[in-house]
């Protein structure tokens, strides 16, 4: 999704932007590997543990996580996308 142009996430652009998907997938995999090394813990996709950030038992759904934690917004996405464009 392009959160700047589509903040309601109604148009999945993954198929039309395969290079972006590949770049984001690589970034995500590097981050996961880094966190596994730093924490000595397996990727939480395979072993979620207390992924509520120490705020109690793990969430029962992504909706519950979204309601209880700040996950992001279009303004933050715009800042990140502008930084990416500037860095290129």
PDB file of N, CA and C in Angstrom:
ATOM      1  N   UNK A   1       0.832  -1.185   0.000  1.00  0.00           N
ATOM      2  CA  UNK A   1       0.000   0.000   0.000  1.00  0.00           C
ATOM      3  C   UNK A   1       0.874   1.244   0.000  1.00  0.00           C
ATOM      4  N   UNK A   2       0.449   2.233  -0.715  1.00  0.00           N
ATOM      5  CA  UNK A   2       1.095   3.541  -0.639  1.00  0.00           C
ATOM      6  C   UNK A   2       0.270   4.345   0.357  1.00  0.00           C
ATOM      7  N   UNK A   3       0.748   4.414   1.593  1.00  0.00           N
ATOM      8  CA  UNK A   3      -0.043   5.039   2.650  1.00  0.00           C
ATOM      9  C   UNK A   3      -0.226   6.532   2.469  1.00  0.00           C
ATOM     10  N   UNK A   4       0.640   7.171   1.695  1.00  0.00           N
ATOM     11  CA  UNK A   4       0.479   8.597   1.441  1.00  0.00           C
ATOM     12  C   UNK A   4      -0.721   8.819   0.522  1.00  0.00           C
ATOM     13  N   UNK A   5      -0.780   8.067  -0.568  1.00  0.00           N
ATOM     14  CA  UNK A   5      -1.870   8.230  -1.529  1.00  0.00           C
ATOM     15  C   UNK A   5      -3.100   7.407  -1.178  1.00  0.00           C
ATOM     16  N   UNK A   6      -2.926   6.383  -0.350  1.00  0.00           N
ATOM     17  CA  UNK A   6      -4.009   5.452  -0.030  1.00  0.00           C
ATOM     18  C   UNK A   6      -3.995   5.124   1.462  1.00  0.00           C
ATOM     19  N   UNK A   7      -4.282   6.107   2.337  1.00  0.00           N
ATOM     20  CA  UNK A   7      -4.183   5.873   3.782  1.00  0.00           C
ATOM     21  C   UNK A   7      -5.152   4.816   4.306  1.00  0.00           C
ATOM     22  N   UNK A   8      -6.199   4.515   3.570  1.00  0.00           N
ATOM     23  CA  UNK A   8      -7.152   3.492   4.014  1.00  0.00           C
ATOM     24  C   UNK A   8      -6.764   2.094   3.530  1.00  0.00           C
ATOM     25  N   UNK A   9      -5.636   2.011   2.822  1.00  0.00           N
ATOM     26  CA  UNK A   9      -5.096   0.735   2.351  1.00  0.00           C
ATOM     27  C   UNK A   9      -6.127  -0.060   1.546  1.00  0.00           C
ATOM     28  N   UNK A  10      -6.641   0.571   0.493  1.00  0.00           N
ATOM     29  CA  UNK A  10      -7.634  -0.090  -0.352  1.00  0.00           C
ATOM     30  C   UNK A  10      -7.046  -0.631  -1.651  1.00  0.00           C
ATOM     31  N   UNK A  11      -5.815  -0.203  -1.995  1.00  0.00           N
ATOM     32  CA  UNK A  11      -5.210  -0.622  -3.254  1.00  0.00           C
ATOM     33  C   UNK A  11      -3.834  -1.243  -2.987  1.00  0.00           C
ATOM     34  N   UNK A  12      -3.775  -2.579  -2.993  1.00  0.00           N
ATOM     35  CA  UNK A  12      -2.518  -3.290  -2.772  1.00  0.00           C
ATOM     36  C   UNK A  12      -1.664  -3.148  -4.026  1.00  0.00           C
ATOM     37  N   UNK A  13      -0.510  -2.522  -3.886  1.00  0.00           N
ATOM     38  CA  UNK A  13       0.357  -2.258  -5.039  1.00  0.00           C
ATOM     39  C   UNK A  13       1.504  -3.268  -5.158  1.00  0.00           C
ATOM     40  N   UNK A  14       1.456  -4.344  -4.409  1.00  0.00           N
ATOM     41  CA  UNK A  14       2.556  -5.320  -4.401  1.00  0.00           C
ATOM     42  C   UNK A  14       2.828  -5.888  -5.788  1.00  0.00           C
ATOM     43  N   UNK A  15       1.802  -6.246  -6.533  1.00  0.00           N
ATOM     44  CA  UNK A  15       2.023  -6.836  -7.855  1.00  0.00           C
ATOM     45  C   UNK A  15       2.604  -5.829  -8.844  1.00  0.00           C
ATOM     46  N   UNK A  16       2.231  -4.575  -8.718  1.00  0.00           N
ATOM     47  CA  UNK A  16       2.726  -3.562  -9.650  1.00  0.00           C
ATOM     48  C   UNK A  16       4.066  -2.962  -9.216  1.00  0.00           C
ATOM     49  N   UNK A  17       4.523  -3.298  -8.013  1.00  0.00           N
ATOM     50  CA  UNK A  17       5.783  -2.766  -7.469  1.00  0.00           C
ATOM     51  C   UNK A  17       6.666  -3.894  -6.929  1.00  0.00           C
ATOM     52  N   UNK A  18       7.026  -4.878  -7.764  1.00  0.00           N
ATOM     53  CA  UNK A  18       7.797  -6.024  -7.243  1.00  0.00           C
ATOM     54  C   UNK A  18       9.168  -5.625  -6.687  1.00  0.00           C
ATOM     55  N   UNK A  19       9.779  -4.588  -7.219  1.00  0.00           N
ATOM     56  CA  UNK A  19      11.081  -4.151  -6.699  1.00  0.00           C
ATOM     57  C   UNK A  19      10.948  -3.617  -5.269  1.00  0.00           C
ATOM     58  N   UNK A  20       9.864  -2.907  -5.017  1.00  0.00           N
ATOM     59  CA  UNK A  20       9.621  -2.381  -3.668  1.00  0.00           C
ATOM     60  C   UNK A  20       9.361  -3.541  -2.715  1.00  0.00           C
ATOM     61  N   UNK A  21       8.570  -4.513  -3.162  1.00  0.00           N
ATOM     62  CA  UNK A  21       8.286  -5.685  -2.332  1.00  0.00           C
ATOM     63  C   UNK A  21       9.594  -6.400  -1.981  1.00  0.00           C
ATOM     64  N   UNK A  22      10.455  -6.596  -2.966  1.00  0.00           N
ATOM     65  CA  UNK A  22      11.732  -7.275  -2.735  1.00  0.00           C
ATOM     66  C   UNK A  22      12.600  -6.485  -1.752  1.00  0.00           C
ATOM     67  N   UNK A  23      12.655  -5.162  -1.916  1.00  0.00           N
ATOM     68  CA  UNK A  23      13.445  -4.326  -1.024  1.00  0.00           C
ATOM     69  C   UNK A  23      12.905  -4.396   0.406  1.00  0.00           C
ATOM     70  N   UNK A  24      11.586  -4.295   0.562  1.00  0.00           N
ATOM     71  CA  UNK A  24      10.987  -4.338   1.900  1.00  0.00           C
ATOM     72  C   UNK A  24      11.143  -5.713   2.536  1.00  0.00           C
ATOM     73  N   UNK A  25      10.993  -6.766   1.738  1.00  0.00           N
ATOM     74  CA  UNK A  25      11.167  -8.124   2.262  1.00  0.00           C
ATOM     75  C   UNK A  25      12.608  -8.315   2.763  1.00  0.00           C
ATOM     76  N   UNK A  26      13.576  -7.842   1.995  1.00  0.00           N
ATOM     77  CA  UNK A  26      14.971  -7.932   2.426  1.00  0.00           C
ATOM     78  C   UNK A  26      15.227  -7.151   3.697  1.00  0.00           C
ATOM     79  N   UNK A  27      14.669  -5.954   3.771  1.00  0.00           N
ATOM     80  CA  UNK A  27      14.829  -5.122   4.967  1.00  0.00           C
ATOM     81  C   UNK A  27      14.220  -5.818   6.184  1.00  0.00           C
ATOM     82  N   UNK A  28      13.037  -6.394   5.999  1.00  0.00           N
ATOM     83  CA  UNK A  28      12.374  -7.093   7.096  1.00  0.00           C
ATOM     84  C   UNK A  28      13.203  -8.300   7.548  1.00  0.00           C
ATOM     85  N   UNK A  29      13.712  -9.077   6.595  1.00  0.00           N
ATOM     86  CA  UNK A  29      14.490 -10.259   6.943  1.00  0.00           C
ATOM     87  C   UNK A  29      15.786  -9.886   7.659  1.00  0.00           C
ATOM     88  N   UNK A  30      16.424  -8.802   7.239  1.00  0.00           N
ATOM     89  CA  UNK A  30      17.639  -8.348   7.923  1.00  0.00           C
ATOM     90  C   UNK A  30      17.328  -7.893   9.347  1.00  0.00           C
ATOM     91  N   UNK A  31      16.217  -7.192   9.508  1.00  0.00           N
ATOM     92  CA  UNK A  31      15.826  -6.735  10.836  1.00  0.00           C
ATOM     93  C   UNK A  31      15.524  -7.922  11.748  1.00  0.00           C
ATOM     94  N   UNK A  32      14.789  -8.897  11.232  1.00  0.00           N
ATOM     95  CA  UNK A  32      14.461 -10.087  12.034  1.00  0.00           C
ATOM     96  C   UNK A  32      15.737 -10.811  12.442  1.00  0.00           C
ATOM     97  N   UNK A  33      16.657 -10.995  11.498  1.00  0.00           N
ATOM     98  CA  UNK A  33      17.928 -11.670  11.811  1.00  0.00           C
ATOM     99  C   UNK A  33      18.710 -10.893  12.872  1.00  0.00           C
ATOM    100  N   UNK A  34      18.730  -9.570  12.757  1.00  0.00           N
ATOM    101  CA  UNK A  34      19.422  -8.729  13.731  1.00  0.00           C
ATOM    102  C   UNK A  34      18.795  -8.896  15.112  1.00  0.00           C
ATOM    103  N   UNK A  35      17.466  -8.848  15.185  1.00  0.00           N
ATOM    104  CA  UNK A  35      16.780  -8.976  16.478  1.00  0.00           C
ATOM    105  C   UNK A  35      16.974 -10.362  17.075  1.00  0.00           C
ATOM    106  N   UNK A  36      16.975 -11.387  16.227  1.00  0.00           N
ATOM    107  CA  UNK A  36      17.223 -12.738  16.741  1.00  0.00           C
ATOM    108  C   UNK A  36      18.623 -12.803  17.358  1.00  0.00           C
ATOM    109  N   UNK A  37      19.603 -12.188  16.687  1.00  0.00           N
ATOM    110  CA  UNK A  37      20.972 -12.204  17.196  1.00  0.00           C
ATOM    111  C   UNK A  37      21.074 -11.394  18.488  1.00  0.00           C
ATOM    112  N   UNK A  38      20.459 -10.223  18.523  1.00  0.00           N
ATOM    113  CA  UNK A  38      20.530  -9.347  19.701  1.00  0.00           C
ATOM    114  C   UNK A  38      19.853  -9.962  20.920  1.00  0.00           C
ATOM    115  N   UNK A  39      18.713 -10.602  20.696  1.00  0.00           N
ATOM    116  CA  UNK A  39      17.932 -11.113  21.822  1.00  0.00           C
ATOM    117  C   UNK A  39      18.200 -12.579  22.127  1.00  0.00           C
ATOM    118  N   UNK A  40      18.786 -13.298  21.156  1.00  0.00           N
ATOM    119  CA  UNK A  40      18.969 -14.730  21.341  1.00  0.00           C
ATOM    120  C   UNK A  40      17.659 -15.495  21.285  1.00  0.00           C
ATOM    121  N   UNK A  41      16.638 -14.841  20.747  1.00  0.00           N
ATOM    122  CA  UNK A  41      15.312 -15.464  20.659  1.00  0.00           C
ATOM    123  C   UNK A  41      14.924 -15.664  19.211  1.00  0.00           C
ATOM    124  N   UNK A  42      14.153 -16.709  18.986  1.00  0.00           N
ATOM    125  CA  UNK A  42      13.668 -17.039  17.657  1.00  0.00           C
ATOM    126  C   UNK A  42      12.675 -15.981  17.166  1.00  0.00           C
ATOM    127  N   UNK A  43      12.581 -15.847  15.851  1.00  0.00           N
ATOM    128  CA  UNK A  43      11.599 -14.964  15.226  1.00  0.00           C
ATOM    129  C   UNK A  43      10.234 -15.172  15.882  1.00  0.00           C
ATOM    130  N   UNK A  44       9.590 -14.104  16.356  1.00  0.00           N
ATOM    131  CA  UNK A  44       8.307 -14.259  17.038  1.00  0.00           C
ATOM    132  C   UNK A  44       7.191 -14.818  16.158  1.00  0.00           C
ATOM    133  N   UNK A  45       7.392 -14.856  14.851  1.00  0.00           N
ATOM    134  CA  UNK A  45       6.395 -15.501  14.001  1.00  0.00           C
ATOM    135  C   UNK A  45       6.319 -16.981  14.365  1.00  0.00           C
ATOM    136  N   UNK A  46       7.466 -17.550  14.734  1.00  0.00           N
ATOM    137  CA  UNK A  46       7.527 -18.961  15.093  1.00  0.00           C
ATOM    138  C   UNK A  46       7.347 -19.195  16.584  1.00  0.00           C
ATOM    139  N   UNK A  47       7.638 -18.178  17.397  1.00  0.00           N
ATOM    140  CA  UNK A  47       7.569 -18.312  18.848  1.00  0.00           C
ATOM    141  C   UNK A  47       7.162 -16.965  19.436  1.00  0.00           C
ATOM    142  N   UNK A  48       5.859 -16.638  19.456  1.00  0.00           N
ATOM    143  CA  UNK A  48       5.431 -15.292  19.795  1.00  0.00           C
ATOM    144  C   UNK A  48       5.726 -14.837  21.218  1.00  0.00           C
ATOM    145  N   UNK A  49       5.716 -15.710  22.189  1.00  0.00           N
ATOM    146  CA  UNK A  49       5.974 -15.275  23.556  1.00  0.00           C
ATOM    147  C   UNK A  49       5.074 -14.109  23.939  1.00  0.00           C
ATOM    148  N   UNK A  50       5.617 -13.154  24.685  1.00  0.00           N
ATOM    149  CA  UNK A  50       4.844 -11.985  25.118  1.00  0.00           C
ATOM    150  C   UNK A  50       5.092 -10.829  24.161  1.00  0.00           C
ATOM    151  N   UNK A  51       4.480 -10.882  22.990  1.00  0.00           N
ATOM    152  CA  UNK A  51       4.710  -9.836  22.001  1.00  0.00           C
ATOM    153  C   UNK A  51       3.879  -8.597  22.258  1.00  0.00           C
ATOM    154  N   UNK A  52       3.283  -8.523  23.451  1.00  0.00           N
ATOM    155  CA  UNK A  52       2.540  -7.319  23.821  1.00  0.00           C
ATOM    156  C   UNK A  52       3.471  -6.244  24.361  1.00  0.00           C
ATOM    157  N   UNK A  53       4.777  -6.497  24.325  1.00  0.00           N
ATOM    158  CA  UNK A  53       5.728  -5.500  24.801  1.00  0.00           C
ATOM    159  C   UNK A  53       5.768  -5.402  26.315  1.00  0.00           C
ATOM    160  N   UNK A  54       5.484  -6.508  26.996  1.00  0.00           N
ATOM    161  CA  UNK A  54       5.530  -6.507  28.451  1.00  0.00           C
ATOM    162  C   UNK A  54       4.295  -5.914  29.091  1.00  0.00           C
ATOM    163  N   UNK A  55       3.249  -5.731  28.295  1.00  0.00           N
ATOM    164  CA  UNK A  55       2.028  -5.109  28.814  1.00  0.00           C
ATOM    165  C   UNK A  55       0.963  -6.156  29.132  1.00  0.00           C
ATOM    166  N   UNK A  56       1.385  -7.351  29.448  1.00  0.00           N
ATOM    167  CA  UNK A  56       0.437  -8.403  29.781  1.00  0.00           C
ATOM    168  C   UNK A  56       0.558  -9.571  28.838  1.00  0.00           C
ATOM    169  N   UNK A  57      -0.425 -10.425  28.864  1.00  0.00           N
ATOM    170  CA  UNK A  57      -0.426 -11.623  28.023  1.00  0.00           C
ATOM    171  C   UNK A  57      -0.418 -11.243  26.550  1.00  0.00           C
ATOM    172  N   UNK A  58       0.074 -12.138  25.687  1.00  0.00           N
ATOM    173  CA  UNK A  58       0.050 -11.836  24.250  1.00  0.00           C
ATOM    174  C   UNK A  58      -1.358 -11.517  23.764  1.00  0.00           C
ATOM    175  N   UNK A  59      -1.434 -10.694  22.741  1.00  0.00           N
ATOM    176  CA  UNK A  59      -2.721 -10.347  22.163  1.00  0.00           C
ATOM    177  C   UNK A  59      -3.328 -11.563  21.487  1.00  0.00           C
ATOM    178  N   UNK A  60      -4.625 -11.602  21.439  1.00  0.00           N
ATOM    179  CA  UNK A  60      -5.299 -12.742  20.814  1.00  0.00           C
ATOM    180  C   UNK A  60      -5.506 -12.523  19.317  1.00  0.00           C
ATOM    181  N   UNK A  61      -5.305 -11.290  18.838  1.00  0.00           N
ATOM    182  CA  UNK A  61      -5.493 -11.004  17.419  1.00  0.00           C
ATOM    183  C   UNK A  61      -4.723  -9.748  17.037  1.00  0.00           C
ATOM    184  N   UNK A  62      -4.535  -9.559  15.734  1.00  0.00           N
ATOM    185  CA  UNK A  62      -3.872  -8.337  15.287  1.00  0.00           C
ATOM    186  C   UNK A  62      -4.751  -7.121  15.559  1.00  0.00           C
ATOM    187  N   UNK A  63      -6.084  -7.292  15.515  1.00  0.00           N
ATOM    188  CA  UNK A  63      -6.984  -6.179  15.838  1.00  0.00           C
ATOM    189  C   UNK A  63      -6.770  -5.714  17.279  1.00  0.00           C
ATOM    190  N   UNK A  64      -6.631  -6.682  18.187  1.00  0.00           N
ATOM    191  CA  UNK A  64      -6.402  -6.326  19.587  1.00  0.00           C
ATOM    192  C   UNK A  64      -5.066  -5.590  19.737  1.00  0.00           C
ATOM    193  N   UNK A  65      -4.036  -6.062  19.034  1.00  0.00           N
ATOM    194  CA  UNK A  65      -2.739  -5.393  19.086  1.00  0.00           C
ATOM    195  C   UNK A  65      -2.857  -3.970  18.552  1.00  0.00           C
ATOM    196  N   UNK A  66      -3.570  -3.794  17.450  1.00  0.00           N
ATOM    197  CA  UNK A  66      -3.736  -2.475  16.852  1.00  0.00           C
ATOM    198  C   UNK A  66      -4.447  -1.529  17.820  1.00  0.00           C
ATOM    199  N   UNK A  67      -5.462  -2.032  18.499  1.00  0.00           N
ATOM    200  CA  UNK A  67      -6.233  -1.192  19.415  1.00  0.00           C
ATOM    201  C   UNK A  67      -5.413  -0.770  20.637  1.00  0.00           C
ATOM    202  N   UNK A  68      -4.458  -1.607  21.055  1.00  0.00           N
ATOM    203  CA  UNK A  68      -3.727  -1.336  22.285  1.00  0.00           C
ATOM    204  C   UNK A  68      -2.359  -0.704  22.076  1.00  0.00           C
ATOM    205  N   UNK A  69      -1.841  -0.737  20.852  1.00  0.00           N
ATOM    206  CA  UNK A  69      -0.519  -0.169  20.581  1.00  0.00           C
ATOM    207  C   UNK A  69      -0.585   0.787  19.403  1.00  0.00           C
ATOM    208  N   UNK A  70       0.302   1.760  19.380  1.00  0.00           N
ATOM    209  CA  UNK A  70       0.396   2.642  18.226  1.00  0.00           C
ATOM    210  C   UNK A  70       1.223   1.942  17.171  1.00  0.00           C
ATOM    211  N   UNK A  71       0.644   1.638  16.031  1.00  0.00           N
ATOM    212  CA  UNK A  71       1.333   0.892  14.987  1.00  0.00           C
ATOM    213  C   UNK A  71       1.849   1.811  13.890  1.00  0.00           C
ATOM    214  N   UNK A  72       1.256   2.941  13.676  1.00  0.00           N
ATOM    215  CA  UNK A  72       1.733   3.858  12.654  1.00  0.00           C
ATOM    216  C   UNK A  72       0.590   4.617  12.005  1.00  0.00           C
ATOM    217  N   UNK A  73       0.933   5.579  11.180  1.00  0.00           N
ATOM    218  CA  UNK A  73      -0.086   6.342  10.481  1.00  0.00           C
ATOM    219  C   UNK A  73       0.472   6.865   9.159  1.00  0.00           C
ATOM    220  N   UNK A  74      -0.372   7.491   8.371  1.00  0.00           N
ATOM    221  CA  UNK A  74       0.019   7.983   7.051  1.00  0.00           C
ATOM    222  C   UNK A  74       1.101   9.057   7.146  1.00  0.00           C
ATOM    223  N   UNK A  75       1.058   9.896   8.164  1.00  0.00           N
ATOM    224  CA  UNK A  75       2.062  10.949   8.317  1.00  0.00           C
ATOM    225  C   UNK A  75       3.459  10.340   8.521  1.00  0.00           C
ATOM    226  N   UNK A  76       3.540   9.296   9.362  1.00  0.00           N
ATOM    227  CA  UNK A  76       4.822   8.631   9.574  1.00  0.00           C
ATOM    228  C   UNK A  76       5.289   7.956   8.285  1.00  0.00           C
ATOM    229  N   UNK A  77       4.374   7.339   7.550  1.00  0.00           N
ATOM    230  CA  UNK A  77       4.723   6.699   6.277  1.00  0.00           C
ATOM    231  C   UNK A  77       5.275   7.727   5.296  1.00  0.00           C
ATOM    232  N   UNK A  78       4.659   8.907   5.257  1.00  0.00           N
ATOM    233  CA  UNK A  78       5.116   9.959   4.354  1.00  0.00           C
ATOM    234  C   UNK A  78       6.544  10.387   4.698  1.00  0.00           C
ATOM    235  N   UNK A  79       6.834  10.514   5.995  1.00  0.00           N
ATOM    236  CA  UNK A  79       8.187  10.883   6.413  1.00  0.00           C
ATOM    237  C   UNK A  79       9.192   9.817   5.983  1.00  0.00           C
ATOM    238  N   UNK A  80       8.847   8.553   6.190  1.00  0.00           N
ATOM    239  CA  UNK A  80       9.748   7.466   5.827  1.00  0.00           C
ATOM    240  C   UNK A  80       9.961   7.403   4.317  1.00  0.00           C
ATOM    241  N   UNK A  81       8.883   7.582   3.546  1.00  0.00           N
ATOM    242  CA  UNK A  81       9.002   7.532   2.098  1.00  0.00           C
ATOM    243  C   UNK A  81       9.813   8.716   1.577  1.00  0.00           C
ATOM    244  N   UNK A  82       9.658   9.892   2.171  1.00  0.00           N
ATOM    245  CA  UNK A  82      10.437  11.058   1.757  1.00  0.00           C
ATOM    246  C   UNK A  82      11.914  10.841   2.072  1.00  0.00           C
ATOM    247  N   UNK A  83      12.213  10.237   3.216  1.00  0.00           N
ATOM    248  CA  UNK A  83      13.607   9.954   3.577  1.00  0.00           C
ATOM    249  C   UNK A  83      14.201   8.958   2.583  1.00  0.00           C
ATOM    250  N   UNK A  84      13.447   7.927   2.208  1.00  0.00           N
ATOM    251  CA  UNK A  84      13.926   6.945   1.246  1.00  0.00           C
ATOM    252  C   UNK A  84      14.255   7.633  -0.084  1.00  0.00           C
ATOM    253  N   UNK A  85      13.370   8.504  -0.540  1.00  0.00           N
ATOM    254  CA  UNK A  85      13.576   9.195  -1.818  1.00  0.00           C
ATOM    255  C   UNK A  85      14.816  10.076  -1.764  1.00  0.00           C
ATOM    256  N   UNK A  86      15.012  10.740  -0.643  1.00  0.00           N
ATOM    257  CA  UNK A  86      16.176  11.623  -0.462  1.00  0.00           C
ATOM    258  C   UNK A  86      17.469  10.816  -0.446  1.00  0.00           C
ATOM    259  N   UNK A  87      17.440   9.627   0.181  1.00  0.00           N
ATOM    260  CA  UNK A  87      18.627   8.780   0.284  1.00  0.00           C
ATOM    261  C   UNK A  87      19.024   8.147  -1.050  1.00  0.00           C
ATOM    262  N   UNK A  88      18.092   8.045  -1.966  1.00  0.00           N
ATOM    263  CA  UNK A  88      18.377   7.395  -3.258  1.00  0.00           C
ATOM    264  C   UNK A  88      19.038   8.314  -4.185  1.00  0.00           C
TER     265      UNK A  88
END
